[in-house]
């Protein structure tokens, strides 16, 4: 499995979406698993960090491909 596929799954997207949709997907996942909303839940913290990492890397990749 490609690491990019893992990033897409973390945000619940396919990878064909534009930057605006990707940001909305990230915000949805981030709000659901944010540590402030789920204190003492290690799984939520890990999912939040995975989503953050996925968003950053996808946007970096999308930014490089737009040039």
Protein backbone atom coordinates (compact mmCIF):
# COMPACT_ATOMS: atom_id res chain seq x y z
CA UNK A 1 0.00 0.00 0.00
CA UNK A 2 1.25 3.45 -0.91
CA UNK A 3 1.78 5.89 1.94
CA UNK A 4 -0.36 8.43 0.09
CA UNK A 5 -3.27 5.98 0.21
CA UNK A 6 -2.90 5.86 3.98
CA UNK A 7 -3.05 9.66 4.09
CA UNK A 8 -6.21 9.68 1.99
CA UNK A 9 -7.86 7.08 4.21
CA UNK A 10 -6.98 9.09 7.33
CA UNK A 11 -9.06 11.95 5.93
CA UNK A 12 -11.74 9.76 4.35
CA UNK A 13 -11.06 10.93 0.79
CA UNK A 14 -10.05 9.28 -2.48
CA UNK A 15 -7.29 11.66 -3.55
CA UNK A 16 -9.07 13.13 -6.56
CA UNK A 17 -10.52 16.04 -4.59
CA UNK A 18 -9.41 19.65 -4.78
CA UNK A 19 -7.67 21.52 -1.97
CA UNK A 20 -10.89 23.07 -0.64
CA UNK A 21 -12.57 19.68 -0.25
CA UNK A 22 -9.45 18.22 1.36
CA UNK A 23 -9.37 21.04 3.89
CA UNK A 24 -13.05 20.47 4.73
CA UNK A 25 -12.39 16.74 5.18
CA UNK A 26 -9.46 17.50 7.48
CA UNK A 27 -11.53 19.93 9.55
CA UNK A 28 -14.29 17.35 9.93
CA UNK A 29 -11.86 14.65 11.12
CA UNK A 30 -9.90 17.08 13.30
CA UNK A 31 -13.03 18.26 15.09
CA UNK A 32 -14.20 14.69 15.66
CA UNK A 33 -10.92 13.46 17.14
CA UNK A 34 -9.51 16.65 18.70
CA UNK A 35 -7.85 15.94 22.09
CA UNK A 36 -9.87 18.72 23.76
CA UNK A 37 -13.10 16.95 22.81
CA UNK A 38 -11.78 13.50 23.73
CA UNK A 39 -9.65 13.84 26.84
CA UNK A 40 -7.91 10.70 28.03
CA UNK A 41 -8.68 8.85 24.79
CA UNK A 42 -5.36 7.80 23.28
CA UNK A 43 -6.97 6.41 20.11
CA UNK A 44 -8.57 9.79 19.35
CA UNK A 45 -5.27 11.57 19.90
CA UNK A 46 -3.52 9.18 17.49
CA UNK A 47 -6.24 9.63 14.86
CA UNK A 48 -6.05 13.41 15.25
CA UNK A 49 -2.27 13.38 14.78
CA UNK A 50 -2.57 11.00 11.80
CA UNK A 51 -5.12 13.33 10.19
CA UNK A 52 -2.91 16.37 10.81
CA UNK A 53 0.12 14.62 9.32
CA UNK A 54 -1.95 13.39 6.37
CA UNK A 55 -3.34 16.86 5.67
CA UNK A 56 0.08 18.48 5.80
CA UNK A 57 1.62 15.92 3.45
CA UNK A 58 -1.28 15.87 1.00
CA UNK A 59 -1.27 19.66 0.76
CA UNK A 60 2.49 19.64 0.28
CA UNK A 61 2.08 17.12 -2.54
CA UNK A 62 -0.87 19.01 -4.09
CA UNK A 63 1.09 22.27 -3.88
CA UNK A 64 4.04 20.74 -5.69
CA UNK A 65 1.81 19.31 -8.42
CA UNK A 66 0.07 22.67 -9.02
CA UNK A 67 3.29 24.39 -10.10
